[in-house]
Amino acid sequence: MVANHPNSLIDPVLVGSVVERRLLFLAKEPIFRVPIVGRLARWAGAIPIYRRVDGADMAQNDATFAAVYEALERGEAICLFPEGISHDEPEIQPLKTGAARMALGAEAQQDWLLGVRILPVGLTYRSKARFQSSVAIEIGEPLRAAAWRESFRADPTEAARDLTEAIRAGMERVTLNLENWQDLPLLRLAAQLLPAGSGHEVQRLRSFAEIGRRVEAQDPRALARLRERLATFAARLDAGGLDVRHLEAGYSPRAVLLFLFTNLLATLIGLPLALLGSLAYLLPWALVHGTVRLRGTSTDLTSTVKILASFVYFPAFHLLWTVLSWQTWGAAWGSLVLFGLPIAGIYARHFLRRRRKAWREARVFLSFPFQLRRLRLLTREAQGLRTELLALAERIPASPRENPGLDTEN
């Protein structure tokens, strides 16, 4: 398996969680020297890979390749991240040829009878630095390493390059792979304007991005105008605290009053438990975020640092409150804190997230009478943008891509 690498140590955890069989991961050698993380990597059977950027002797990778060959011969599954780095870029970074050389080398040792297949995996995070953010994991069509047999016999280096390009194409099919992050909110806005259709949100966004690339190739001025219109429309929505669904929702006074009443009641009932959970875990939460700020962590490492810090701070404070309660009020209260406080903390997170969302909706509802003219103008503008987007999609034909190593047999 080969996957893009936008979120450091979180990526292998997620890939491993969706695959039913055991995976052996390739990991950069410095990870094995990190306390706890290195021990976990060895326990999971990870294979170290040595990089020049880490000052390693590249000859040590001979043992890495031998270990991979042996694992593939045993029928094991290998997972690696061929970009070689975790990063914050919106598009796939240049791929190393290691995955291709390992697959071809293993096949060549077994006279091309091993049946090695390379499976592209795409990871797309909604907001990778946020706790409980959603992530889409998409698995593409496998590539048969044996399809490069004749090329390998003629020139192993060129065959590895060709297979690496095929791997890149496969990864592009399961990732957004944008030119810049500024395009993402505009793509999401376009997705909201057009009919829902079928497929996951990420697949739809990727389709829109592909249409945008074709439009730019054939009529760059048209794409520039569309980008400007979408950006202006987005700014007008933000000014009113609105999004596209508000333009088409027919909120009745009765529905608004019911929404406000039920959320007020939920707030009054749930507030005491939410306050308890929030206050109990406020200090460890602050320490986790303080650790991230002190380290000056880039976005691709933020989640990893948060999780590792949470494993230290949250259990420590939970144990502290349990011991203090036990010594102050006795065993009954200590046991209640031991088992009940985590429930209060989880509920507090859920409560605060729901109440923030409800408050944003309430502000929109209450502002409707004062935004009628804005709503009418935005509704007409949304209809015009929808028409233009559909016309562009129909006018620009698709450009099919072929891959000689694509495995269409299951």
Protein backbone atom coordinates (compact mmCIF):
# COMPACT_ATOMS: atom_id res chain seq x y z
CA MET A 1 0.00 0.00 0.00
CA VAL A 2 1.20 3.49 -0.82
CA ALA A 3 -0.46 6.57 0.71
CA ASN A 4 -0.08 10.32 0.78
CA HIS A 5 1.36 11.73 4.00
CA PRO A 6 -0.33 14.91 5.27
CA ASN A 7 -0.51 14.16 9.01
CA SER A 8 2.64 12.57 10.45
CA LEU A 9 2.08 9.59 12.80
CA ILE A 10 -1.71 9.85 12.48
CA ASP A 11 -1.59 8.62 8.86
CA PRO A 12 -0.27 5.09 9.54
CA VAL A 13 -2.72 4.69 12.43
CA LEU A 14 -5.65 5.53 10.16
CA VAL A 15 -4.47 3.36 7.27
CA GLY A 16 -3.96 0.45 9.64
CA SER A 17 -7.44 0.94 11.13
CA VAL A 18 -9.27 0.44 7.81
CA VAL A 19 -7.30 -2.58 6.58
CA GLU A 20 -8.46 -5.95 7.87
CA ARG A 21 -5.07 -7.63 7.54
CA ARG A 22 -1.79 -6.93 9.32
CA LEU A 23 0.35 -4.20 7.78
CA LEU A 24 4.11 -3.77 8.09
CA PHE A 25 4.98 -0.09 7.89
CA LEU A 26 8.18 1.45 6.64
CA ALA A 27 9.20 4.30 8.93
CA LYS A 28 12.14 6.68 8.96
CA GLU A 29 14.85 5.42 11.28
CA PRO A 30 14.83 8.43 13.74
CA ILE A 31 11.31 7.40 14.84
CA PHE A 32 12.77 4.21 16.33
CA ARG A 33 14.88 6.35 18.66
CA VAL A 34 11.89 8.25 20.10
CA PRO A 35 10.86 6.98 23.56
CA ILE A 36 7.57 5.02 23.59
CA VAL A 37 6.92 5.70 19.88
CA GLY A 38 10.02 3.75 18.87
CA ARG A 39 9.08 0.84 21.14
CA LEU A 40 5.56 0.78 19.65
CA ALA A 41 7.01 0.84 16.12
CA ARG A 42 9.23 -2.17 16.85
CA TRP A 43 6.33 -4.02 18.52
CA ALA A 44 4.19 -3.45 15.40
CA GLY A 45 6.94 -4.92 13.20
CA ALA A 46 7.80 -1.64 11.45
CA ILE A 47 10.82 -1.67 9.17
CA PRO A 48 13.31 1.24 9.42
CA ILE A 49 14.27 3.14 6.31
CA TYR A 50 17.41 5.27 6.27
CA ARG A 51 17.45 8.73 4.70
CA ARG A 52 20.32 10.93 3.64
CA VAL A 53 18.57 13.95 5.17
CA ASP A 54 18.87 12.27 8.61
CA GLY A 55 22.62 11.77 8.13
CA ALA A 56 22.28 8.01 7.80
CA ASP A 57 24.52 5.65 5.86
CA MET A 58 22.39 4.83 2.80
CA ALA A 59 24.04 1.40 2.52
CA GLN A 60 21.93 0.40 5.54
CA ASN A 61 18.90 0.37 3.25
CA ASP A 62 20.20 -2.89 1.76
CA ALA A 63 18.93 -4.59 4.90
CA THR A 64 15.64 -2.70 4.59
CA PHE A 65 15.11 -3.94 1.03
CA ALA A 66 16.01 -7.49 2.07
CA ALA A 67 13.46 -7.34 4.91
CA VAL A 68 10.78 -6.09 2.52
CA TYR A 69 11.56 -8.84 -0.01
CA GLU A 70 11.29 -11.49 2.71
CA ALA A 71 8.01 -10.05 3.97
CA LEU A 72 6.49 -9.98 0.48
CA GLU A 73 7.61 -13.57 -0.15
CA ARG A 74 5.79 -14.58 3.05
CA GLY A 75 2.64 -12.90 1.74
CA GLU A 76 2.85 -9.94 4.14
CA ALA A 77 1.40 -6.52 3.26
CA ILE A 78 3.75 -3.52 3.30
CA CYS A 79 2.63 0.09 3.71
CA LEU A 80 4.82 3.10 3.01
CA PHE A 81 4.50 6.80 2.21
CA PRO A 82 6.46 7.39 -1.00
CA GLU A 83 6.54 11.17 -0.63
CA GLY A 84 9.15 10.49 2.04
CA ILE A 85 7.97 13.36 4.26
CA SER A 86 4.90 14.49 6.12
CA HIS A 87 3.87 17.91 4.79
CA ASP A 88 1.27 20.69 4.65
CA GLU A 89 1.21 21.12 0.87
CA PRO A 90 -2.14 20.82 -1.01
CA GLU A 91 -0.74 18.52 -3.68
CA ILE A 92 1.23 15.29 -3.67
CA GLN A 93 4.96 15.93 -3.33
CA PRO A 94 7.58 14.32 -5.62
CA LEU A 95 7.64 10.59 -4.96
CA LYS A 96 10.71 8.57 -4.07
CA THR A 97 11.28 5.50 -6.21
CA GLY A 98 11.69 3.17 -3.22
CA ALA A 99 8.19 1.65 -3.42
CA ALA A 100 8.63 0.86 -7.12
CA ARG A 101 12.15 -0.56 -6.64
CA MET A 102 10.96 -2.79 -3.79
CA ALA A 103 8.00 -4.15 -5.77
CA LEU A 104 10.05 -4.76 -8.91
CA GLY A 105 12.99 -6.22 -7.00
CA ALA A 106 10.79 -8.65 -5.10
CA GLU A 107 9.13 -9.78 -8.33
CA ALA A 108 12.46 -10.16 -10.15
CA GLN A 109 13.82 -12.39 -7.34
CA GLN A 110 10.82 -14.71 -7.76
CA ASP A 111 10.90 -14.75 -11.59
CA TRP A 112 7.84 -12.44 -11.74
CA LEU A 113 5.55 -15.04 -10.15
CA LEU A 114 5.06 -13.32 -6.79
CA GLY A 115 1.99 -11.31 -7.80
CA VAL A 116 2.93 -8.07 -6.04
CA ARG A 117 0.24 -5.42 -6.35
CA ILE A 118 0.57 -1.78 -5.33
CA LEU A 119 -2.57 -0.25 -3.82
CA PRO A 120 -2.85 3.58 -3.79
CA VAL A 121 -4.51 5.06 -0.68
CA GLY A 122 -5.69 8.66 -0.33
CA LEU A 123 -6.09 10.49 3.00
CA THR A 124 -8.13 13.70 2.93
CA TYR A 125 -8.67 15.54 6.22
CA ARG A 126 -11.34 18.18 6.73
CA SER A 127 -9.19 19.90 9.36
CA LYS A 128 -6.26 17.71 10.32
CA ALA A 129 -5.12 19.75 13.32
CA ARG A 130 -8.53 19.63 15.05
CA PHE A 131 -9.68 16.97 17.49
CA GLN A 132 -12.48 14.76 16.07
CA SER A 133 -12.14 16.25 12.58
CA SER A 134 -13.42 13.95 9.85
CA VAL A 135 -11.12 12.21 7.37
CA ALA A 136 -11.89 10.42 4.11
CA ILE A 137 -9.81 7.33 3.33
CA GLU A 138 -10.10 6.23 -0.29
CA ILE A 139 -8.51 3.13 -1.79
CA GLY A 140 -7.74 3.12 -5.51
CA GLU A 141 -7.21 0.45 -8.13
CA PRO A 142 -4.16 -1.79 -7.63
CA LEU A 143 -1.16 -1.77 -9.98
CA ARG A 144 0.50 -5.04 -11.01
CA ALA A 145 4.26 -4.79 -10.65
CA ALA A 146 4.67 -7.61 -13.19
CA ALA A 147 3.32 -5.29 -15.91
CA TRP A 148 6.78 -3.64 -15.87
CA ARG A 149 8.67 -6.91 -16.33
CA GLU A 150 10.03 -6.26 -19.84
CA SER A 151 10.84 -2.66 -18.98
CA PHE A 152 12.74 -3.82 -15.88
CA ARG A 153 14.76 -6.34 -17.87
CA ALA A 154 15.75 -3.62 -20.32
CA ASP A 155 16.53 -0.90 -17.76
CA PRO A 156 15.70 -1.37 -14.03
CA THR A 157 16.20 2.32 -13.23
CA GLU A 158 13.87 3.51 -15.98
CA ALA A 159 11.30 0.86 -15.04
CA ALA A 160 11.32 2.11 -11.44
CA ARG A 161 10.78 5.67 -12.67
CA ASP A 162 7.89 4.60 -14.92
CA LEU A 163 6.23 2.63 -12.14
CA THR A 164 6.69 5.54 -9.76
CA GLU A 165 4.83 7.79 -12.23
CA ALA A 166 2.03 5.21 -12.37
CA ILE A 167 1.92 5.18 -8.57
CA ARG A 168 1.68 8.97 -8.55
CA ALA A 169 -1.20 8.87 -11.03
CA GLY A 170 -2.96 6.30 -8.85
CA MET A 171 -2.52 8.45 -5.75
CA GLU A 172 -3.81 11.51 -7.58
CA ARG A 173 -7.03 9.62 -8.32
CA VAL A 174 -7.73 9.20 -4.60
CA THR A 175 -6.62 12.61 -3.29
CA LEU A 176 -7.73 16.19 -3.92
CA ASN A 177 -4.24 17.21 -5.07
CA LEU A 178 -4.94 20.95 -5.38
CA GLU A 179 -2.51 23.56 -6.69
CA ASN A 180 -3.11 25.81 -3.66
CA TRP A 181 -5.19 25.76 -0.49
CA GLN A 182 -7.11 28.89 -1.55
CA ASP A 183 -9.01 26.74 -4.04
CA LEU A 184 -10.47 24.42 -1.38
CA PRO A 185 -13.14 26.76 0.10
CA LEU A 186 -14.19 27.72 -3.44
CA LEU A 187 -14.49 24.05 -4.40
CA ARG A 188 -16.60 23.40 -1.31
CA LEU A 189 -18.81 26.36 -2.20
CA ALA A 190 -19.24 25.04 -5.75
CA ALA A 191 -20.18 21.63 -4.33
CA GLN A 192 -22.87 23.26 -2.20
CA LEU A 193 -24.28 25.17 -5.17
CA LEU A 194 -24.58 22.14 -7.47
CA PRO A 195 -27.00 19.21 -7.09
CA ALA A 196 -25.85 16.67 -4.51
CA GLY A 197 -25.44 13.77 -6.95
CA SER A 198 -23.72 10.58 -5.83
CA GLY A 199 -20.39 9.76 -4.27
CA HIS A 200 -18.51 11.02 -1.23
CA GLU A 201 -17.86 14.73 -0.76
CA VAL A 202 -14.14 14.23 -1.46
CA GLN A 203 -14.89 12.47 -4.74
CA ARG A 204 -17.16 15.32 -5.79
CA LEU A 205 -14.56 17.92 -4.83
CA ARG A 206 -11.94 16.04 -6.82
CA SER A 207 -14.26 16.00 -9.86
CA PHE A 208 -14.76 19.76 -9.56
CA ALA A 209 -11.00 20.28 -9.24
CA GLU A 210 -10.43 18.21 -12.39
CA ILE A 211 -13.03 20.28 -14.27
CA GLY A 212 -11.26 23.42 -13.04
CA ARG A 213 -7.92 22.19 -14.38
CA ARG A 214 -9.46 21.45 -17.78
CA VAL A 215 -11.15 24.87 -17.87
CA GLU A 216 -7.86 26.55 -16.98
CA ALA A 217 -6.09 24.68 -19.79
CA GLN A 218 -8.68 25.67 -22.40
CA ASP A 219 -10.02 29.01 -21.16
CA PRO A 220 -7.99 30.44 -18.25
CA ARG A 221 -9.84 33.77 -18.34
CA ALA A 222 -13.17 32.01 -17.80
CA LEU A 223 -11.78 30.21 -14.76
CA ALA A 224 -10.35 33.46 -13.35
CA ARG A 225 -13.76 35.14 -13.69
CA LEU A 226 -15.48 32.19 -12.03
CA ARG A 227 -12.99 32.20 -9.15
CA GLU A 228 -13.60 35.92 -8.63
CA ARG A 229 -17.39 35.48 -8.65
CA LEU A 230 -17.22 32.58 -6.20
CA ALA A 231 -14.88 34.51 -3.87
CA THR A 232 -17.17 37.58 -3.94
CA PHE A 233 -20.23 35.40 -3.30
CA ALA A 234 -18.47 33.68 -0.38
CA ALA A 235 -17.54 37.05 1.14
CA ARG A 236 -21.17 38.24 0.90
CA LEU A 237 -22.39 35.06 2.57
CA ASP A 238 -19.84 35.50 5.38
CA ALA A 239 -20.87 39.11 5.90
CA GLY A 240 -24.38 37.93 6.70
CA GLY A 241 -23.28 34.90 8.72
CA LEU A 242 -24.94 32.69 6.10
CA ASP A 243 -24.14 29.67 3.97
CA VAL A 244 -25.78 28.25 0.85
CA ARG A 245 -28.31 26.06 2.67
CA HIS A 246 -29.81 29.13 4.37
CA LEU A 247 -30.76 30.55 0.97
CA GLU A 248 -33.03 27.61 0.19
CA ALA A 249 -34.37 26.79 3.65
CA GLY A 250 -37.95 27.82 4.33
CA TYR A 251 -37.81 28.49 8.06
CA SER A 252 -41.25 29.12 9.57
CA PRO A 253 -41.67 31.17 12.77
CA ARG A 254 -42.97 28.03 14.50
CA ALA A 255 -39.89 26.00 13.49
CA VAL A 256 -37.55 28.78 14.66
CA LEU A 257 -39.31 29.10 18.05
CA LEU A 258 -39.22 25.32 18.54
CA PHE A 259 -35.51 25.24 17.70
CA LEU A 260 -34.76 28.05 20.16
CA PHE A 261 -36.86 26.46 22.93
CA THR A 262 -35.37 22.96 22.63
CA ASN A 263 -31.81 24.30 22.58
CA LEU A 264 -32.44 26.57 25.56
CA LEU A 265 -33.87 23.62 27.48
CA ALA A 266 -30.90 21.41 26.49
CA THR A 267 -28.53 24.14 27.66
CA LEU A 268 -30.19 24.49 31.08
CA ILE A 269 -30.29 20.72 31.67
CA GLY A 270 -26.81 19.88 30.43
CA LEU A 271 -24.88 22.91 31.67
CA PRO A 272 -23.97 21.61 35.20
CA LEU A 273 -22.40 18.37 33.92
CA ALA A 274 -20.71 20.21 31.05
CA LEU A 275 -19.22 22.76 33.46
CA LEU A 276 -17.90 19.98 35.68
CA GLY A 277 -16.23 18.21 32.75
CA SER A 278 -14.84 21.47 31.34
CA LEU A 279 -13.35 22.65 34.63
CA ALA A 280 -11.86 19.25 35.44
CA TYR A 281 -9.95 19.04 32.16
CA LEU A 282 -9.31 22.72 31.47
CA LEU A 283 -5.72 22.62 32.75
CA PRO A 284 -4.59 19.55 30.76
CA TRP A 285 -6.33 20.96 27.67
CA ALA A 286 -4.41 24.24 28.12
CA LEU A 287 -1.14 22.37 28.64
CA VAL A 288 -1.65 20.34 25.45
CA HIS A 289 -2.26 23.47 23.38
CA GLY A 290 0.58 25.26 25.14
CA THR A 291 2.92 22.40 24.19
CA VAL A 292 1.90 22.75 20.54
CA ARG A 293 2.54 26.51 20.60
CA LEU A 294 5.88 26.21 22.40
CA ARG A 295 7.14 23.68 19.87
CA GLY A 296 6.06 25.91 16.96
CA THR A 297 4.65 22.77 15.39
CA SER A 298 3.69 22.76 11.70
CA THR A 299 0.15 21.69 10.85
CA ASP A 300 1.19 18.22 9.69
CA LEU A 301 2.67 17.52 13.16
CA THR A 302 0.05 19.26 15.30
CA SER A 303 -2.25 16.25 15.74
CA THR A 304 0.66 13.96 16.60
CA VAL A 305 1.97 16.36 19.26
CA LYS A 306 -1.55 16.83 20.65
CA ILE A 307 -2.14 13.10 20.99
CA LEU A 308 1.26 12.36 22.56
CA ALA A 309 0.85 15.28 25.00
CA SER A 310 -2.70 14.20 25.83
CA PHE A 311 -1.45 10.74 26.79
CA VAL A 312 0.66 12.48 29.45
CA TYR A 313 -1.43 15.39 30.73
CA PHE A 314 -4.99 14.01 30.80
CA PRO A 315 -4.27 10.77 32.73
CA ALA A 316 -2.03 12.70 35.12
CA PHE A 317 -4.74 15.23 36.01
CA HIS A 318 -7.42 12.54 36.14
CA LEU A 319 -5.29 10.64 38.66
CA LEU A 320 -4.68 13.87 40.59
CA TRP A 321 -8.42 14.67 40.95
CA THR A 322 -9.14 11.05 41.93
CA VAL A 323 -6.49 11.01 44.67
CA LEU A 324 -7.56 14.42 46.02
CA SER A 325 -11.22 13.36 46.12
CA TRP A 326 -10.36 10.04 47.77
CA GLN A 327 -8.28 11.72 50.48
CA THR A 328 -10.73 14.60 51.05
CA TRP A 329 -14.15 12.93 50.90
CA GLY A 330 -13.44 9.21 51.08
CA ALA A 331 -13.43 6.14 48.89
CA ALA A 332 -16.99 6.58 47.57
CA TRP A 333 -16.32 10.02 46.15
CA GLY A 334 -12.91 8.94 44.91
CA SER A 335 -14.46 6.05 42.98
CA LEU A 336 -17.15 8.34 41.58
CA VAL A 337 -14.49 10.74 40.30
CA LEU A 338 -12.37 7.88 38.94
CA PHE A 339 -15.17 6.46 36.80
CA GLY A 340 -17.49 9.43 36.35
CA LEU A 341 -15.15 12.27 35.49
CA PRO A 342 -14.20 10.91 32.03
CA ILE A 343 -17.92 10.70 31.19
CA ALA A 344 -18.34 14.34 32.24
CA GLY A 345 -15.35 15.34 30.10
CA ILE A 346 -16.65 13.55 27.01
CA TYR A 347 -20.10 15.04 27.54
CA ALA A 348 -18.62 18.53 27.94
CA ARG A 349 -16.91 18.24 24.55
CA HIS A 350 -20.16 17.09 22.93
CA PHE A 351 -22.21 19.78 24.75
CA LEU A 352 -19.93 22.68 23.79
CA ARG A 353 -19.75 21.60 20.14
CA ARG A 354 -23.55 21.29 19.87
CA ARG A 355 -24.21 24.56 21.67
CA ARG A 356 -21.75 26.51 19.49
CA LYS A 357 -23.49 25.16 16.39
CA ALA A 358 -26.92 25.97 17.82
CA TRP A 359 -25.85 29.51 18.72
CA ARG A 360 -24.61 30.17 15.17
CA GLU A 361 -27.94 28.90 13.79
CA ALA A 362 -29.93 31.00 16.28
CA ARG A 363 -28.10 34.15 15.23
CA VAL A 364 -28.94 33.41 11.59
CA PHE A 365 -32.60 32.75 12.40
CA LEU A 366 -32.95 35.95 14.39
CA SER A 367 -31.24 38.01 11.68
CA PHE A 368 -33.53 36.81 8.84
CA PRO A 369 -36.08 39.67 9.17
CA PHE A 370 -33.26 42.20 8.79
CA GLN A 371 -31.59 40.46 5.81
CA LEU A 372 -34.49 39.90 3.43
CA ARG A 373 -32.98 42.06 0.67
CA ARG A 374 -29.55 40.43 1.11
CA LEU A 375 -31.17 36.96 0.98
CA ARG A 376 -33.00 37.76 -2.28
CA LEU A 377 -29.83 39.09 -3.92
CA LEU A 378 -27.74 36.14 -2.75
CA THR A 379 -30.38 33.67 -3.93
CA ARG A 380 -30.32 35.16 -7.45
CA GLU A 381 -26.52 35.17 -7.44
CA ALA A 382 -26.48 31.51 -6.33
CA GLN A 383 -28.78 30.58 -9.21
CA GLY A 384 -26.52 32.39 -11.70
CA LEU A 385 -23.40 30.67 -10.35
CA ARG A 386 -25.11 27.28 -10.45
CA THR A 387 -26.03 27.82 -14.12
CA GLU A 388 -22.46 28.88 -14.99
CA LEU A 389 -20.91 25.92 -13.17
CA LEU A 390 -23.17 23.44 -14.96
CA ALA A 391 -22.47 25.06 -18.33
CA LEU A 392 -18.70 24.87 -17.79
CA ALA A 393 -18.88 21.22 -16.76
CA GLU A 394 -20.80 20.36 -19.94
CA ARG A 395 -18.62 22.48 -22.25
CA ILE A 396 -15.25 21.06 -21.15
CA PRO A 397 -14.91 17.36 -22.09
CA ALA A 398 -13.27 14.87 -19.77
CA SER A 399 -9.76 13.67 -20.52
CA PRO A 400 -9.51 9.91 -19.78
CA ARG A 401 -6.28 8.64 -18.30
CA GLU A 402 -4.97 5.18 -18.95
CA ASN A 403 -2.57 3.15 -16.87
CA PRO A 404 -0.89 0.08 -18.36
CA GLY A 405 -0.37 -1.56 -14.98
CA LEU A 406 -3.94 -1.14 -13.73
CA ASP A 407 -5.21 -4.38 -12.28
CA THR A 408 -8.84 -4.79 -13.25
CA GLU A 409 -9.10 -8.33 -11.90
CA ASN A 410 -10.21 -9.02 -8.35
